[in-house]
Amino acid sequence: MSQVLRWIAGLVVILVPGISGCAPDQTQARSDAPEPRPGMVTQMEPFRAFLETRPTPEAFSRVYPDVTLVLPGDVATREYRTDNSRFFAELDEDGHIHDGDFR
């Protein structure tokens, strides 16, 4: 009986990683999603239009990878920034960004 259990355990060890590797990649960008915009926010109109789509924090970080996103409850330093490099987000009840400001 113990040989059968060892064989089953070995099969599970081999199959589970292989099966999980077949799962679709959830991190792929949608084809209709905005392209990443590196650097600080310099054009406010496209930025506000992006916020109107109510992005998730993950989508925000993908589109604006160089902007530090500060969510409610996050601890942040209080230095004064004038380059739109740190955005303090306001979230709706679903956890999507609906507003905020640069500080």
PDB file of N, CA and C in Angstrom:
ATOM      1  N   MET A   1       0.812  -1.206   0.000  1.00  0.00           N
ATOM      2  CA  MET A   1       0.000   0.000   0.000  1.00  0.00           C
ATOM      3  C   MET A   1       0.850   1.264   0.000  1.00  0.00           C
ATOM      4  N   SER A   2       1.961   1.262   0.736  1.00  0.00           N
ATOM      5  CA  SER A   2       2.785   2.459   0.808  1.00  0.00           C
ATOM      6  C   SER A   2       3.452   2.761  -0.532  1.00  0.00           C
ATOM      7  N   GLN A   3       3.744   1.717  -1.327  1.00  0.00           N
ATOM      8  CA  GLN A   3       4.322   1.965  -2.649  1.00  0.00           C
ATOM      9  C   GLN A   3       3.309   2.656  -3.553  1.00  0.00           C
ATOM     10  N   VAL A   4       2.047   2.300  -3.445  1.00  0.00           N
ATOM     11  CA  VAL A   4       1.000   2.929  -4.246  1.00  0.00           C
ATOM     12  C   VAL A   4       0.865   4.402  -3.849  1.00  0.00           C
ATOM     13  N   LEU A   5       0.893   4.679  -2.554  1.00  0.00           N
ATOM     14  CA  LEU A   5       0.800   6.058  -2.090  1.00  0.00           C
ATOM     15  C   LEU A   5       1.996   6.881  -2.555  1.00  0.00           C
ATOM     16  N   ARG A   6       3.196   6.302  -2.514  1.00  0.00           N
ATOM     17  CA  ARG A   6       4.377   7.006  -3.000  1.00  0.00           C
ATOM     18  C   ARG A   6       4.266   7.281  -4.498  1.00  0.00           C
ATOM     19  N   TRP A   7       3.760   6.313  -5.235  1.00  0.00           N
ATOM     20  CA  TRP A   7       3.600   6.485  -6.669  1.00  0.00           C
ATOM     21  C   TRP A   7       2.596   7.601  -6.970  1.00  0.00           C
ATOM     22  N   ILE A   8       1.482   7.618  -6.243  1.00  0.00           N
ATOM     23  CA  ILE A   8       0.468   8.669  -6.428  1.00  0.00           C
ATOM     24  C   ILE A   8       1.043  10.029  -6.043  1.00  0.00           C
ATOM     25  N   ALA A   9       1.769  10.098  -4.947  1.00  0.00           N
ATOM     26  CA  ALA A   9       2.375  11.357  -4.520  1.00  0.00           C
ATOM     27  C   ALA A   9       3.371  11.850  -5.565  1.00  0.00           C
ATOM     28  N   GLY A  10       4.170  10.947  -6.117  1.00  0.00           N
ATOM     29  CA  GLY A  10       5.113  11.326  -7.161  1.00  0.00           C
ATOM     30  C   GLY A  10       4.405  11.822  -8.410  1.00  0.00           C
ATOM     31  N   LEU A  11       3.301  11.193  -8.755  1.00  0.00           N
ATOM     32  CA  LEU A  11       2.517  11.613  -9.912  1.00  0.00           C
ATOM     33  C   LEU A  11       1.932  13.009  -9.694  1.00  0.00           C
ATOM     34  N   VAL A  12       1.447  13.280  -8.488  1.00  0.00           N
ATOM     35  CA  VAL A  12       0.900  14.594  -8.163  1.00  0.00           C
ATOM     36  C   VAL A  12       1.991  15.659  -8.264  1.00  0.00           C
ATOM     37  N   VAL A  13       3.178  15.342  -7.766  1.00  0.00           N
ATOM     38  CA  VAL A  13       4.287  16.290  -7.813  1.00  0.00           C
ATOM     39  C   VAL A  13       4.650  16.621  -9.260  1.00  0.00           C
ATOM     40  N   ILE A  14       4.520  15.659 -10.132  1.00  0.00           N
ATOM     41  CA  ILE A  14       4.860  15.878 -11.544  1.00  0.00           C
ATOM     42  C   ILE A  14       3.732  16.593 -12.283  1.00  0.00           C
ATOM     43  N   LEU A  15       2.490  16.206 -12.046  1.00  0.00           N
ATOM     44  CA  LEU A  15       1.369  16.731 -12.826  1.00  0.00           C
ATOM     45  C   LEU A  15       0.902  18.120 -12.404  1.00  0.00           C
ATOM     46  N   VAL A  16       0.868  18.411 -11.124  1.00  0.00           N
ATOM     47  CA  VAL A  16       0.326  19.688 -10.667  1.00  0.00           C
ATOM     48  C   VAL A  16       1.092  20.873 -11.236  1.00  0.00           C
ATOM     49  N   PRO A  17       2.421  20.905 -11.176  1.00  0.00           N
ATOM     50  CA  PRO A  17       3.107  22.052 -11.795  1.00  0.00           C
ATOM     51  C   PRO A  17       2.866  22.116 -13.306  1.00  0.00           C
ATOM     52  N   GLY A  18       2.782  20.986 -13.957  1.00  0.00           N
ATOM     53  CA  GLY A  18       2.539  20.975 -15.395  1.00  0.00           C
ATOM     54  C   GLY A  18       1.165  21.504 -15.754  1.00  0.00           C
ATOM     55  N   ILE A  19       0.164  21.141 -14.970  1.00  0.00           N
ATOM     56  CA  ILE A  19      -1.199  21.614 -15.221  1.00  0.00           C
ATOM     57  C   ILE A  19      -1.307  23.103 -14.932  1.00  0.00           C
ATOM     58  N   SER A  20      -0.707  23.556 -13.839  1.00  0.00           N
ATOM     59  CA  SER A  20      -0.790  24.979 -13.508  1.00  0.00           C
ATOM     60  C   SER A  20      -0.046  25.821 -14.533  1.00  0.00           C
ATOM     61  N   GLY A  21       0.952  25.256 -15.187  1.00  0.00           N
ATOM     62  CA  GLY A  21       1.664  25.974 -16.231  1.00  0.00           C
ATOM     63  C   GLY A  21       0.824  26.176 -17.482  1.00  0.00           C
ATOM     64  N   CYS A  22      -0.265  25.445 -17.604  1.00  0.00           N
ATOM     65  CA  CYS A  22      -1.138  25.570 -18.769  1.00  0.00           C
ATOM     66  C   CYS A  22      -2.200  26.644 -18.592  1.00  0.00           C
ATOM     67  N   ALA A  23      -2.291  27.210 -17.422  1.00  0.00           N
ATOM     68  CA  ALA A  23      -3.317  28.230 -17.178  1.00  0.00           C
ATOM     69  C   ALA A  23      -3.006  29.469 -18.003  1.00  0.00           C
ATOM     70  N   PRO A  24      -4.037  30.167 -18.479  1.00  0.00           N
ATOM     71  CA  PRO A  24      -3.781  31.379 -19.255  1.00  0.00           C
ATOM     72  C   PRO A  24      -3.102  32.442 -18.397  1.00  0.00           C
ATOM     73  N   ASP A  25      -2.264  33.218 -19.022  1.00  0.00           N
ATOM     74  CA  ASP A  25      -1.531  34.269 -18.323  1.00  0.00           C
ATOM     75  C   ASP A  25      -2.472  35.430 -18.038  1.00  0.00           C
ATOM     76  N   GLN A  26      -2.771  35.640 -16.767  1.00  0.00           N
ATOM     77  CA  GLN A  26      -3.701  36.693 -16.376  1.00  0.00           C
ATOM     78  C   GLN A  26      -3.057  38.070 -16.373  1.00  0.00           C
ATOM     79  N   THR A  27      -1.736  38.129 -16.525  1.00  0.00           N
ATOM     80  CA  THR A  27      -1.069  39.420 -16.481  1.00  0.00           C
ATOM     81  C   THR A  27      -0.950  40.061 -17.859  1.00  0.00           C
ATOM     82  N   GLN A  28      -1.371  39.362 -18.899  1.00  0.00           N
ATOM     83  CA  GLN A  28      -1.283  39.945 -20.228  1.00  0.00           C
ATOM     84  C   GLN A  28      -2.214  41.141 -20.345  1.00  0.00           C
ATOM     85  N   ALA A  29      -1.738  42.143 -21.028  1.00  0.00           N
ATOM     86  CA  ALA A  29      -2.541  43.348 -21.224  1.00  0.00           C
ATOM     87  C   ALA A  29      -3.620  43.080 -22.263  1.00  0.00           C
ATOM     88  N   ARG A  30      -4.764  43.672 -22.043  1.00  0.00           N
ATOM     89  CA  ARG A  30      -5.826  43.575 -23.036  1.00  0.00           C
ATOM     90  C   ARG A  30      -5.438  44.422 -24.233  1.00  0.00           C
ATOM     91  N   SER A  31      -5.936  44.014 -25.382  1.00  0.00           N
ATOM     92  CA  SER A  31      -5.570  44.750 -26.591  1.00  0.00           C
ATOM     93  C   SER A  31      -6.183  46.147 -26.609  1.00  0.00           C
ATOM     94  N   ASP A  32      -7.274  46.360 -25.877  1.00  0.00           N
ATOM     95  CA  ASP A  32      -7.898  47.682 -25.856  1.00  0.00           C
ATOM     96  C   ASP A  32      -7.418  48.548 -24.686  1.00  0.00           C
ATOM     97  N   ALA A  33      -6.476  48.033 -23.893  1.00  0.00           N
ATOM     98  CA  ALA A  33      -5.954  48.783 -22.751  1.00  0.00           C
ATOM     99  C   ALA A  33      -4.950  49.826 -23.239  1.00  0.00           C
ATOM    100  N   PRO A  34      -4.843  50.952 -22.535  1.00  0.00           N
ATOM    101  CA  PRO A  34      -3.873  51.982 -22.932  1.00  0.00           C
ATOM    102  C   PRO A  34      -2.443  51.466 -22.840  1.00  0.00           C
ATOM    103  N   GLU A  35      -1.617  51.985 -23.707  1.00  0.00           N
ATOM    104  CA  GLU A  35      -0.191  51.642 -23.677  1.00  0.00           C
ATOM    105  C   GLU A  35       0.457  52.265 -22.441  1.00  0.00           C
ATOM    106  N   PRO A  36       1.507  51.639 -21.917  1.00  0.00           N
ATOM    107  CA  PRO A  36       2.229  52.247 -20.799  1.00  0.00           C
ATOM    108  C   PRO A  36       2.770  53.618 -21.173  1.00  0.00           C
ATOM    109  N   ARG A  37       2.718  54.516 -20.205  1.00  0.00           N
ATOM    110  CA  ARG A  37       3.186  55.885 -20.398  1.00  0.00           C
ATOM    111  C   ARG A  37       4.290  56.149 -19.377  1.00  0.00           C
ATOM    112  N   PRO A  38       5.534  55.853 -19.751  1.00  0.00           N
ATOM    113  CA  PRO A  38       6.636  56.020 -18.791  1.00  0.00           C
ATOM    114  C   PRO A  38       6.879  57.482 -18.447  1.00  0.00           C
ATOM    115  N   GLY A  39       7.504  57.685 -17.317  1.00  0.00           N
ATOM    116  CA  GLY A  39       7.814  59.032 -16.862  1.00  0.00           C
ATOM    117  C   GLY A  39       6.710  59.584 -15.980  1.00  0.00           C
ATOM    118  N   MET A  40       6.856  60.825 -15.616  1.00  0.00           N
ATOM    119  CA  MET A  40       5.871  61.493 -14.772  1.00  0.00           C
ATOM    120  C   MET A  40       4.701  61.968 -15.623  1.00  0.00           C
ATOM    121  N   VAL A  41       3.600  62.287 -14.981  1.00  0.00           N
ATOM    122  CA  VAL A  41       2.421  62.766 -15.704  1.00  0.00           C
ATOM    123  C   VAL A  41       2.645  64.220 -16.093  1.00  0.00           C
ATOM    124  N   THR A  42       2.654  64.463 -17.390  1.00  0.00           N
ATOM    125  CA  THR A  42       2.835  65.828 -17.887  1.00  0.00           C
ATOM    126  C   THR A  42       1.582  66.329 -18.607  1.00  0.00           C
ATOM    127  N   GLN A  43       0.778  65.403 -19.099  1.00  0.00           N
ATOM    128  CA  GLN A  43      -0.449  65.781 -19.800  1.00  0.00           C
ATOM    129  C   GLN A  43      -1.642  65.355 -18.951  1.00  0.00           C
ATOM    130  N   MET A  44      -2.313  66.333 -18.363  1.00  0.00           N
ATOM    131  CA  MET A  44      -3.395  66.029 -17.433  1.00  0.00           C
ATOM    132  C   MET A  44      -4.670  65.531 -18.115  1.00  0.00           C
ATOM    133  N   GLU A  45      -4.934  65.993 -19.332  1.00  0.00           N
ATOM    134  CA  GLU A  45      -6.165  65.583 -20.008  1.00  0.00           C
ATOM    135  C   GLU A  45      -6.206  64.068 -20.255  1.00  0.00           C
ATOM    136  N   PRO A  46      -5.152  63.459 -20.832  1.00  0.00           N
ATOM    137  CA  PRO A  46      -5.176  62.000 -20.993  1.00  0.00           C
ATOM    138  C   PRO A  46      -5.182  61.267 -19.651  1.00  0.00           C
ATOM    139  N   PHE A  47      -4.531  61.839 -18.646  1.00  0.00           N
ATOM    140  CA  PHE A  47      -4.510  61.209 -17.328  1.00  0.00           C
ATOM    141  C   PHE A  47      -5.917  61.174 -16.729  1.00  0.00           C
ATOM    142  N   ARG A  48      -6.624  62.295 -16.780  1.00  0.00           N
ATOM    143  CA  ARG A  48      -7.997  62.347 -16.260  1.00  0.00           C
ATOM    144  C   ARG A  48      -8.924  61.421 -17.051  1.00  0.00           C
ATOM    145  N   ALA A  49      -8.722  61.347 -18.366  1.00  0.00           N
ATOM    146  CA  ALA A  49      -9.526  60.437 -19.187  1.00  0.00           C
ATOM    147  C   ALA A  49      -9.278  58.984 -18.769  1.00  0.00           C
ATOM    148  N   PHE A  50      -8.030  58.672 -18.443  1.00  0.00           N
ATOM    149  CA  PHE A  50      -7.714  57.324 -17.961  1.00  0.00           C
ATOM    150  C   PHE A  50      -8.400  57.055 -16.628  1.00  0.00           C
ATOM    151  N   LEU A  51      -8.412  58.034 -15.717  1.00  0.00           N
ATOM    152  CA  LEU A  51      -9.080  57.846 -14.426  1.00  0.00           C
ATOM    153  C   LEU A  51     -10.584  57.636 -14.591  1.00  0.00           C
ATOM    154  N   GLU A  52     -11.173  58.224 -15.627  1.00  0.00           N
ATOM    155  CA  GLU A  52     -12.611  58.039 -15.860  1.00  0.00           C
ATOM    156  C   GLU A  52     -12.961  56.604 -16.200  1.00  0.00           C
ATOM    157  N   THR A  53     -11.983  55.809 -16.612  1.00  0.00           N
ATOM    158  CA  THR A  53     -12.229  54.389 -16.885  1.00  0.00           C
ATOM    159  C   THR A  53     -12.273  53.569 -15.598  1.00  0.00           C
ATOM    160  N   ARG A  54     -12.016  54.227 -14.463  1.00  0.00           N
ATOM    161  CA  ARG A  54     -11.978  53.582 -13.150  1.00  0.00           C
ATOM    162  C   ARG A  54     -11.045  52.365 -13.141  1.00  0.00           C
ATOM    163  N   PRO A  55      -9.747  52.631 -13.346  1.00  0.00           N
ATOM    164  CA  PRO A  55      -8.786  51.525 -13.398  1.00  0.00           C
ATOM    165  C   PRO A  55      -8.560  50.909 -12.020  1.00  0.00           C
ATOM    166  N   THR A  56      -8.120  49.678 -12.021  1.00  0.00           N
ATOM    167  CA  THR A  56      -7.677  49.046 -10.781  1.00  0.00           C
ATOM    168  C   THR A  56      -6.292  49.591 -10.455  1.00  0.00           C
ATOM    169  N   PRO A  57      -5.844  49.446  -9.222  1.00  0.00           N
ATOM    170  CA  PRO A  57      -4.476  49.862  -8.904  1.00  0.00           C
ATOM    171  C   PRO A  57      -3.429  49.161  -9.785  1.00  0.00           C
ATOM    172  N   GLU A  58      -3.676  47.902 -10.133  1.00  0.00           N
ATOM    173  CA  GLU A  58      -2.748  47.169 -10.994  1.00  0.00           C
ATOM    174  C   GLU A  58      -2.693  47.788 -12.388  1.00  0.00           C
ATOM    175  N   ALA A  59      -3.872  48.144 -12.939  1.00  0.00           N
ATOM    176  CA  ALA A  59      -3.906  48.771 -14.267  1.00  0.00           C
ATOM    177  C   ALA A  59      -3.226  50.129 -14.226  1.00  0.00           C
ATOM    178  N   PHE A  60      -3.427  50.882 -13.157  1.00  0.00           N
ATOM    179  CA  PHE A  60      -2.769  52.181 -13.015  1.00  0.00           C
ATOM    180  C   PHE A  60      -1.255  52.006 -13.054  1.00  0.00           C
ATOM    181  N   SER A  61      -0.754  51.058 -12.285  1.00  0.00           N
ATOM    182  CA  SER A  61       0.694  50.839 -12.226  1.00  0.00           C
ATOM    183  C   SER A  61       1.248  50.341 -13.553  1.00  0.00           C
ATOM    184  N   ARG A  62       0.435  49.640 -14.333  1.00  0.00           N
ATOM    185  CA  ARG A  62       0.892  49.178 -15.637  1.00  0.00           C
ATOM    186  C   ARG A  62       0.968  50.339 -16.627  1.00  0.00           C
ATOM    187  N   VAL A  63      -0.028  51.218 -16.609  1.00  0.00           N
ATOM    188  CA  VAL A  63      -0.057  52.331 -17.555  1.00  0.00           C
ATOM    189  C   VAL A  63       0.898  53.440 -17.134  1.00  0.00           C
ATOM    190  N   TYR A  64       1.000  53.710 -15.850  1.00  0.00           N
ATOM    191  CA  TYR A  64       1.901  54.757 -15.333  1.00  0.00           C
ATOM    192  C   TYR A  64       2.935  54.116 -14.400  1.00  0.00           C
ATOM    193  N   PRO A  65       3.901  53.368 -14.963  1.00  0.00           N
ATOM    194  CA  PRO A  65       4.840  52.616 -14.118  1.00  0.00           C
ATOM    195  C   PRO A  65       5.781  53.489 -13.284  1.00  0.00           C
ATOM    196  N   ASP A  66       5.999  54.730 -13.694  1.00  0.00           N
ATOM    197  CA  ASP A  66       6.937  55.586 -12.970  1.00  0.00           C
ATOM    198  C   ASP A  66       6.271  56.506 -11.955  1.00  0.00           C
ATOM    199  N   VAL A  67       4.956  56.432 -11.842  1.00  0.00           N
ATOM    200  CA  VAL A  67       4.219  57.242 -10.870  1.00  0.00           C
ATOM    201  C   VAL A  67       3.969  56.374  -9.639  1.00  0.00           C
ATOM    202  N   THR A  68       4.370  56.874  -8.490  1.00  0.00           N
ATOM    203  CA  THR A  68       4.128  56.152  -7.245  1.00  0.00           C
ATOM    204  C   THR A  68       2.653  56.281  -6.898  1.00  0.00           C
ATOM    205  N   LEU A  69       1.988  55.151  -6.769  1.00  0.00           N
ATOM    206  CA  LEU A  69       0.571  55.129  -6.420  1.00  0.00           C
ATOM    207  C   LEU A  69       0.436  54.919  -4.922  1.00  0.00           C
ATOM    208  N   VAL A  70      -0.214  55.858  -4.255  1.00  0.00           N
ATOM    209  CA  VAL A  70      -0.441  55.762  -2.817  1.00  0.00           C
ATOM    210  C   VAL A  70      -1.934  55.502  -2.622  1.00  0.00           C
ATOM    211  N   LEU A  71      -2.239  54.355  -2.041  1.00  0.00           N
ATOM    212  CA  LEU A  71      -3.628  53.965  -1.805  1.00  0.00           C
ATOM    213  C   LEU A  71      -4.047  54.350  -0.393  1.00  0.00           C
ATOM    214  N   PRO A  72      -5.355  54.445  -0.147  1.00  0.00           N
ATOM    215  CA  PRO A  72      -5.814  54.748   1.208  1.00  0.00           C
ATOM    216  C   PRO A  72      -5.239  53.742   2.211  1.00  0.00           C
ATOM    217  N   GLY A  73      -4.682  54.248   3.266  1.00  0.00           N
ATOM    218  CA  GLY A  73      -4.089  53.388   4.285  1.00  0.00           C
ATOM    219  C   GLY A  73      -2.593  53.174   4.108  1.00  0.00           C
ATOM    220  N   ASP A  74      -2.053  53.507   2.927  1.00  0.00           N
ATOM    221  CA  ASP A  74      -0.606  53.393   2.711  1.00  0.00           C
ATOM    222  C   ASP A  74       0.116  54.481   3.493  1.00  0.00           C
ATOM    223  N   VAL A  75       1.306  54.169   3.936  1.00  0.00           N
ATOM    224  CA  VAL A  75       2.143  55.141   4.624  1.00  0.00           C
ATOM    225  C   VAL A  75       3.025  55.807   3.575  1.00  0.00           C
ATOM    226  N   ALA A  76       3.059  57.130   3.588  1.00  0.00           N
ATOM    227  CA  ALA A  76       3.874  57.871   2.621  1.00  0.00           C
ATOM    228  C   ALA A  76       4.594  59.004   3.333  1.00  0.00           C
ATOM    229  N   THR A  77       5.753  59.344   2.797  1.00  0.00           N
ATOM    230  CA  THR A  77       6.507  60.470   3.344  1.00  0.00           C
ATOM    231  C   THR A  77       5.798  61.769   2.987  1.00  0.00           C
ATOM    232  N   ARG A  78       6.190  62.856   3.614  1.00  0.00           N
ATOM    233  CA  ARG A  78       5.492  64.123   3.404  1.00  0.00           C
ATOM    234  C   ARG A  78       6.327  65.134   2.623  1.00  0.00           C
ATOM    235  N   GLU A  79       7.295  64.653   1.842  1.00  0.00           N
ATOM    236  CA  GLU A  79       8.075  65.636   1.079  1.00  0.00           C
ATOM    237  C   GLU A  79       7.206  66.277   0.006  1.00  0.00           C
ATOM    238  N   TYR A  80       7.573  67.461  -0.360  1.00  0.00           N
ATOM    239  CA  TYR A  80       6.811  68.243  -1.337  1.00  0.00           C
ATOM    240  C   TYR A  80       7.302  67.907  -2.732  1.00  0.00           C
ATOM    241  N   ARG A  81       6.412  67.444  -3.596  1.00  0.00           N
ATOM    242  CA  ARG A  81       6.769  67.115  -4.974  1.00  0.00           C
ATOM    243  C   ARG A  81       5.954  67.975  -5.921  1.00  0.00           C
ATOM    244  N   THR A  82       6.606  68.469  -6.946  1.00  0.00           N
ATOM    245  CA  THR A  82       5.912  69.289  -7.942  1.00  0.00           C
ATOM    246  C   THR A  82       5.949  68.651  -9.326  1.00  0.00           C
ATOM    247  N   ASP A  83       6.416  67.412  -9.410  1.00  0.00           N
ATOM    248  CA  ASP A  83       6.613  66.791 -10.724  1.00  0.00           C
ATOM    249  C   ASP A  83       5.554  65.733 -11.076  1.00  0.00           C
ATOM    250  N   ASN A  84       4.447  65.688 -10.361  1.00  0.00           N
ATOM    251  CA  ASN A  84       3.384  64.703 -10.618  1.00  0.00           C
ATOM    252  C   ASN A  84       3.930  63.279 -10.648  1.00  0.00           C
ATOM    253  N   SER A  85       4.751  62.966  -9.669  1.00  0.00           N
ATOM    254  CA  SER A  85       5.349  61.636  -9.603  1.00  0.00           C
ATOM    255  C   SER A  85       4.731  60.757  -8.521  1.00  0.00           C
ATOM    256  N   ARG A  86       3.805  61.312  -7.736  1.00  0.00           N
ATOM    257  CA  ARG A  86       3.167  60.525  -6.671  1.00  0.00           C
ATOM    258  C   ARG A  86       1.698  60.889  -6.614  1.00  0.00           C
ATOM    259  N   PHE A  87       0.851  59.881  -6.862  1.00  0.00           N
ATOM    260  CA  PHE A  87      -0.587  60.097  -6.937  1.00  0.00           C
ATOM    261  C   PHE A  87      -1.272  59.422  -5.750  1.00  0.00           C
ATOM    262  N   PHE A  88      -2.020  60.211  -4.987  1.00  0.00           N
ATOM    263  CA  PHE A  88      -2.797  59.694  -3.859  1.00  0.00           C
ATOM    264  C   PHE A  88      -4.195  59.394  -4.376  1.00  0.00           C
ATOM    265  N   ALA A  89      -4.518  58.122  -4.466  1.00  0.00           N
ATOM    266  CA  ALA A  89      -5.763  57.690  -5.105  1.00  0.00           C
ATOM    267  C   ALA A  89      -6.909  57.603  -4.119  1.00  0.00           C
ATOM    268  N   GLU A  90      -8.101  57.848  -4.642  1.00  0.00           N
ATOM    269  CA  GLU A  90      -9.344  57.579  -3.929  1.00  0.00           C
ATOM    270  C   GLU A  90      -9.994  56.392  -4.627  1.00  0.00           C
ATOM    271  N   LEU A  91     -10.430  55.416  -3.843  1.00  0.00           N
ATOM    272  CA  LEU A  91     -11.010  54.198  -4.396  1.00  0.00           C
ATOM    273  C   LEU A  91     -12.518  54.178  -4.199  1.00  0.00           C
ATOM    274  N   ASP A  92     -13.212  53.541  -5.146  1.00  0.00           N
ATOM    275  CA  ASP A  92     -14.643  53.332  -4.960  1.00  0.00           C
ATOM    276  C   ASP A  92     -14.848  52.046  -4.161  1.00  0.00           C
ATOM    277  N   GLU A  93     -16.092  51.656  -3.947  1.00  0.00           N
ATOM    278  CA  GLU A  93     -16.386  50.480  -3.117  1.00  0.00           C
ATOM    279  C   GLU A  93     -15.885  49.178  -3.738  1.00  0.00           C
ATOM    280  N   ASP A  94     -15.594  49.177  -5.044  1.00  0.00           N
ATOM    281  CA  ASP A  94     -15.082  47.981  -5.720  1.00  0.00           C
ATOM    282  C   ASP A  94     -13.557  47.945  -5.766  1.00  0.00           C
ATOM    283  N   GLY A  95     -12.907  48.964  -5.206  1.00  0.00           N
ATOM    284  CA  GLY A  95     -11.449  49.015  -5.197  1.00  0.00           C
ATOM    285  C   GLY A  95     -10.842  49.601  -6.457  1.00  0.00           C
ATOM    286  N   HIS A  96     -11.655  50.293  -7.247  1.00  0.00           N
ATOM    287  CA  HIS A  96     -11.167  50.947  -8.463  1.00  0.00           C
ATOM    288  C   HIS A  96     -10.877  52.419  -8.169  1.00  0.00           C
ATOM    289  N   ILE A  97      -9.895  52.968  -8.855  1.00  0.00           N
ATOM    290  CA  ILE A  97      -9.528  54.367  -8.659  1.00  0.00           C
ATOM    291  C   ILE A  97     -10.536  55.231  -9.380  1.00  0.00           C
ATOM    292  N   HIS A  98     -11.125  56.185  -8.658  1.00  0.00           N
ATOM    293  CA  HIS A  98     -12.087  57.084  -9.295  1.00  0.00           C
ATOM    294  C   HIS A  98     -11.657  58.544  -9.219  1.00  0.00           C
ATOM    295  N   ASP A  99     -10.691  58.844  -8.345  1.00  0.00           N
ATOM    296  CA  ASP A  99     -10.223  60.221  -8.214  1.00  0.00           C
ATOM    297  C   ASP A  99      -8.956  60.208  -7.368  1.00  0.00           C
ATOM    298  N   GLY A 100      -8.434  61.381  -7.108  1.00  0.00           N
ATOM    299  CA  GLY A 100      -7.243  61.514  -6.297  1.00  0.00           C
ATOM    300  C   GLY A 100      -6.514  62.786  -6.665  1.00  0.00           C
ATOM    301  N   ASP A 101      -5.314  62.928  -6.103  1.00  0.00           N
ATOM    302  CA  ASP A 101      -4.536  64.116  -6.436  1.00  0.00           C
ATOM    303  C   ASP A 101      -3.061  63.830  -6.280  1.00  0.00           C
ATOM    304  N   PHE A 102      -2.285  64.692  -6.938  1.00  0.00           N
ATOM    305  CA  PHE A 102      -0.833  64.596  -6.855  1.00  0.00           C
ATOM    306  C   PHE A 102      -0.379  65.410  -5.649  1.00  0.00           C
ATOM    307  N   ARG A 103       0.541  64.852  -4.878  1.00  0.00           N
ATOM    308  CA  ARG A 103       1.124  65.558  -3.737  1.00  0.00           C
ATOM    309  C   ARG A 103       2.597  65.263  -3.679  1.00  0.00           C
TER     310      ARG A 103
END
